[in-house]
N, C-alpha and C. Protein backbone atom coordinates (compact mmCIF):
# COMPACT_ATOMS: atom_id res chain seq x y z
N UNK A 1 47.75 -276.69 22.29
CA UNK A 1 48.40 -277.99 22.28
C UNK A 1 47.36 -279.08 22.43
N UNK A 2 47.45 -280.10 21.60
CA UNK A 2 46.48 -281.18 21.61
C UNK A 2 46.98 -282.32 22.49
N UNK A 3 46.11 -282.81 23.36
CA UNK A 3 46.47 -283.91 24.24
C UNK A 3 46.21 -285.23 23.53
N UNK A 4 47.22 -286.10 23.49
CA UNK A 4 47.08 -287.39 22.83
C UNK A 4 46.58 -288.41 23.84
N UNK A 5 45.72 -289.31 23.38
CA UNK A 5 45.21 -290.34 24.27
C UNK A 5 46.28 -291.40 24.47
N UNK A 6 46.28 -292.00 25.66
CA UNK A 6 47.25 -293.05 25.96
C UNK A 6 46.87 -294.33 25.23
N UNK A 7 47.87 -295.04 24.77
CA UNK A 7 47.67 -296.30 24.07
C UNK A 7 48.58 -297.34 24.72
N UNK A 8 48.06 -298.54 24.83
CA UNK A 8 48.83 -299.65 25.37
C UNK A 8 48.61 -300.87 24.48
N UNK A 9 49.58 -301.76 24.47
CA UNK A 9 49.47 -302.99 23.70
C UNK A 9 49.66 -304.15 24.66
N UNK A 10 48.75 -305.12 24.60
CA UNK A 10 48.84 -306.23 25.53
C UNK A 10 48.10 -307.46 25.03
N UNK A 11 48.03 -308.45 25.91
CA UNK A 11 47.42 -309.73 25.59
C UNK A 11 46.14 -309.90 26.39
N UNK A 12 45.09 -310.39 25.74
CA UNK A 12 43.82 -310.65 26.43
C UNK A 12 44.01 -311.90 27.29
N UNK A 13 43.79 -311.75 28.60
CA UNK A 13 43.94 -312.89 29.51
C UNK A 13 42.59 -313.42 29.99
N UNK A 14 41.52 -312.63 29.82
CA UNK A 14 40.19 -313.08 30.19
C UNK A 14 39.16 -312.40 29.30
N UNK A 15 38.23 -313.21 28.77
CA UNK A 15 37.16 -312.68 27.93
C UNK A 15 35.83 -313.29 28.36
N UNK A 16 35.67 -313.50 29.66
CA UNK A 16 34.49 -314.20 30.17
C UNK A 16 33.32 -313.27 30.47
N UNK A 17 33.58 -311.97 30.52
CA UNK A 17 32.51 -311.01 30.82
C UNK A 17 31.86 -310.53 29.52
N UNK A 18 30.67 -309.97 29.65
CA UNK A 18 29.97 -309.44 28.48
C UNK A 18 30.54 -308.08 28.13
N UNK A 19 31.02 -307.93 26.90
CA UNK A 19 31.58 -306.68 26.36
C UNK A 19 32.76 -306.14 27.16
N UNK A 20 33.43 -307.00 27.90
CA UNK A 20 34.60 -306.59 28.67
C UNK A 20 35.68 -307.65 28.56
N UNK A 21 36.91 -307.19 28.37
CA UNK A 21 38.06 -308.10 28.37
C UNK A 21 39.10 -307.57 29.35
N UNK A 22 39.92 -308.47 29.87
CA UNK A 22 41.03 -308.08 30.73
C UNK A 22 42.30 -308.21 29.89
N UNK A 23 43.04 -307.10 29.79
CA UNK A 23 44.23 -307.06 28.96
C UNK A 23 45.44 -306.90 29.87
N UNK A 24 46.42 -307.79 29.71
CA UNK A 24 47.64 -307.70 30.49
C UNK A 24 48.72 -307.04 29.66
N UNK A 25 49.30 -305.96 30.20
CA UNK A 25 50.33 -305.20 29.51
C UNK A 25 51.66 -305.45 30.22
N UNK A 26 52.64 -305.96 29.49
CA UNK A 26 53.98 -306.21 30.04
C UNK A 26 54.91 -305.08 29.63
N UNK A 27 55.83 -304.74 30.54
CA UNK A 27 56.85 -303.75 30.21
C UNK A 27 58.12 -304.09 30.97
N UNK A 28 59.24 -303.66 30.45
CA UNK A 28 60.52 -303.87 31.10
C UNK A 28 60.98 -302.56 31.72
N UNK A 29 61.36 -302.60 32.99
CA UNK A 29 61.90 -301.43 33.67
C UNK A 29 63.26 -301.79 34.23
N UNK A 30 64.10 -300.80 34.32
CA UNK A 30 65.42 -301.02 34.84
C UNK A 30 65.44 -300.67 36.32
N UNK A 31 66.06 -301.53 37.13
CA UNK A 31 66.16 -301.26 38.56
C UNK A 31 67.01 -300.01 38.76
N UNK A 32 66.53 -299.06 39.60
CA UNK A 32 67.24 -297.79 39.71
C UNK A 32 68.67 -297.90 40.24
N UNK A 33 68.95 -298.86 41.10
CA UNK A 33 70.29 -298.97 41.68
C UNK A 33 71.15 -300.01 40.96
N UNK A 34 70.58 -301.19 40.72
CA UNK A 34 71.38 -302.30 40.21
C UNK A 34 71.37 -302.43 38.70
N UNK A 35 70.43 -301.79 38.03
CA UNK A 35 70.44 -301.78 36.58
C UNK A 35 69.85 -303.01 35.92
N UNK A 36 69.43 -304.00 36.71
CA UNK A 36 68.84 -305.19 36.11
C UNK A 36 67.47 -304.85 35.55
N UNK A 37 67.17 -305.43 34.39
CA UNK A 37 65.85 -305.19 33.77
C UNK A 37 64.85 -306.17 34.35
N UNK A 38 63.72 -305.64 34.81
CA UNK A 38 62.69 -306.45 35.44
C UNK A 38 61.40 -306.34 34.65
N UNK A 39 60.63 -307.42 34.63
CA UNK A 39 59.35 -307.41 33.94
C UNK A 39 58.27 -306.95 34.90
N UNK A 40 57.50 -305.95 34.49
CA UNK A 40 56.37 -305.45 35.27
C UNK A 40 55.11 -305.69 34.45
N UNK A 41 54.05 -306.14 35.12
CA UNK A 41 52.79 -306.44 34.45
C UNK A 41 51.67 -305.66 35.09
N UNK A 42 50.72 -305.23 34.26
CA UNK A 42 49.54 -304.56 34.76
C UNK A 42 48.35 -305.04 33.95
N UNK A 43 47.22 -305.18 34.63
CA UNK A 43 46.01 -305.66 33.97
C UNK A 43 44.99 -304.53 33.89
N UNK A 44 44.45 -304.33 32.70
CA UNK A 44 43.45 -303.31 32.46
C UNK A 44 42.15 -303.97 32.02
N UNK A 45 41.02 -303.48 32.53
CA UNK A 45 39.72 -303.91 32.03
C UNK A 45 39.37 -302.98 30.87
N UNK A 46 39.06 -303.57 29.74
CA UNK A 46 38.81 -302.78 28.53
C UNK A 46 37.46 -303.15 27.93
N UNK A 47 36.81 -302.15 27.34
CA UNK A 47 35.50 -302.33 26.72
C UNK A 47 35.66 -302.89 25.32
N UNK A 48 34.95 -303.98 25.05
CA UNK A 48 34.97 -304.64 23.73
C UNK A 48 33.53 -304.69 23.24
N UNK A 49 33.11 -303.68 22.52
CA UNK A 49 31.70 -303.51 22.13
C UNK A 49 31.16 -304.69 21.34
N UNK A 50 31.94 -305.20 20.40
CA UNK A 50 31.45 -306.26 19.52
C UNK A 50 31.81 -307.67 20.01
N UNK A 51 32.44 -307.77 21.15
CA UNK A 51 32.89 -309.07 21.71
C UNK A 51 33.71 -309.86 20.70
N UNK A 52 34.65 -309.18 20.04
CA UNK A 52 35.47 -309.81 19.00
C UNK A 52 36.75 -310.42 19.56
N UNK A 53 37.12 -310.07 20.78
CA UNK A 53 38.39 -310.54 21.35
C UNK A 53 38.21 -311.86 22.08
N UNK A 54 39.25 -312.68 22.00
CA UNK A 54 39.28 -313.95 22.72
C UNK A 54 40.60 -314.04 23.47
N UNK A 55 40.68 -314.97 24.40
CA UNK A 55 41.90 -315.13 25.18
C UNK A 55 43.08 -315.44 24.28
N UNK A 56 44.20 -314.78 24.55
CA UNK A 56 45.42 -314.98 23.76
C UNK A 56 45.60 -313.97 22.64
N UNK A 57 44.57 -313.20 22.31
CA UNK A 57 44.69 -312.19 21.24
C UNK A 57 45.62 -311.07 21.69
N UNK A 58 46.38 -310.54 20.75
CA UNK A 58 47.21 -309.36 20.99
C UNK A 58 46.39 -308.15 20.55
N UNK A 59 46.14 -307.18 21.45
CA UNK A 59 45.26 -306.06 21.14
C UNK A 59 45.91 -304.74 21.52
N UNK A 60 45.38 -303.67 20.93
CA UNK A 60 45.75 -302.32 21.31
C UNK A 60 44.56 -301.70 22.01
N UNK A 61 44.80 -301.07 23.17
CA UNK A 61 43.73 -300.41 23.90
C UNK A 61 44.04 -298.93 24.00
N UNK A 62 42.98 -298.10 24.05
CA UNK A 62 43.16 -296.66 24.20
C UNK A 62 42.35 -296.18 25.40
N UNK A 63 42.84 -295.14 26.02
CA UNK A 63 42.19 -294.58 27.19
C UNK A 63 40.89 -293.89 26.77
N UNK A 64 39.86 -293.98 27.63
CA UNK A 64 38.58 -293.34 27.33
C UNK A 64 37.96 -292.83 28.61
N UNK A 65 36.77 -292.32 28.49
CA UNK A 65 36.06 -291.86 29.68
C UNK A 65 35.70 -293.06 30.54
N UNK A 66 35.40 -292.86 31.83
CA UNK A 66 35.00 -293.99 32.66
C UNK A 66 33.72 -294.64 32.15
N UNK A 67 33.79 -295.94 31.89
CA UNK A 67 32.64 -296.68 31.37
C UNK A 67 31.94 -297.47 32.47
N UNK A 68 32.65 -297.78 33.54
CA UNK A 68 32.06 -298.45 34.70
C UNK A 68 33.01 -298.21 35.87
N UNK A 69 32.81 -298.94 36.94
CA UNK A 69 33.65 -298.76 38.12
C UNK A 69 35.13 -299.00 37.81
N UNK A 70 35.42 -300.01 37.01
CA UNK A 70 36.82 -300.37 36.74
C UNK A 70 37.27 -300.15 35.31
N UNK A 71 36.35 -299.88 34.38
CA UNK A 71 36.72 -299.77 32.96
C UNK A 71 36.99 -298.33 32.58
N UNK A 72 38.23 -298.07 32.14
CA UNK A 72 38.61 -296.76 31.62
C UNK A 72 39.35 -296.88 30.28
N UNK A 73 39.29 -298.05 29.67
CA UNK A 73 39.99 -298.30 28.42
C UNK A 73 39.04 -298.97 27.43
N UNK A 74 39.32 -298.79 26.12
CA UNK A 74 38.54 -299.42 25.05
C UNK A 74 39.50 -300.18 24.14
N UNK A 75 39.02 -301.28 23.59
CA UNK A 75 39.83 -302.02 22.62
C UNK A 75 39.80 -301.24 21.31
N UNK A 76 40.98 -300.85 20.84
CA UNK A 76 41.09 -300.09 19.61
C UNK A 76 41.12 -301.02 18.39
N UNK A 77 41.98 -302.03 18.45
CA UNK A 77 42.08 -302.97 17.34
C UNK A 77 42.74 -304.26 17.81
N UNK A 78 42.47 -305.31 17.06
CA UNK A 78 43.11 -306.59 17.32
C UNK A 78 44.33 -306.67 16.43
N UNK A 79 45.49 -306.78 17.03
CA UNK A 79 46.74 -306.82 16.27
C UNK A 79 47.00 -308.22 15.72
N UNK A 80 46.83 -309.22 16.58
CA UNK A 80 47.08 -310.60 16.17
C UNK A 80 46.13 -311.53 16.89
N UNK A 81 45.49 -312.40 16.14
CA UNK A 81 44.57 -313.37 16.70
C UNK A 81 45.35 -314.52 17.36
N UNK A 82 44.74 -315.11 18.39
CA UNK A 82 45.35 -316.27 19.04
C UNK A 82 45.26 -317.47 18.12
N UNK A 83 46.23 -318.33 18.23
CA UNK A 83 46.22 -319.55 17.40
C UNK A 83 45.15 -320.49 17.90
N UNK A 84 44.34 -320.98 16.99
CA UNK A 84 43.32 -321.98 17.36
C UNK A 84 41.93 -321.51 17.37
């Protein structure tokens, strides 16, 4: 059985570091008792080798080996560029 790598889609919220971007991934979860849908957010530090991402870009990230203390994800592709 082949293990598939995890993929997430999110928005770049910070691109101030060298070859690193912070990607915020939003998801909706349902409250276990009341059933209301709540927004949950998580921020991932992702490796951007070519420094092609800018704040506001919609990107896909994939899980990889540990690249630093906090980086365990890589930018796979830019889905949509930010306006401007």
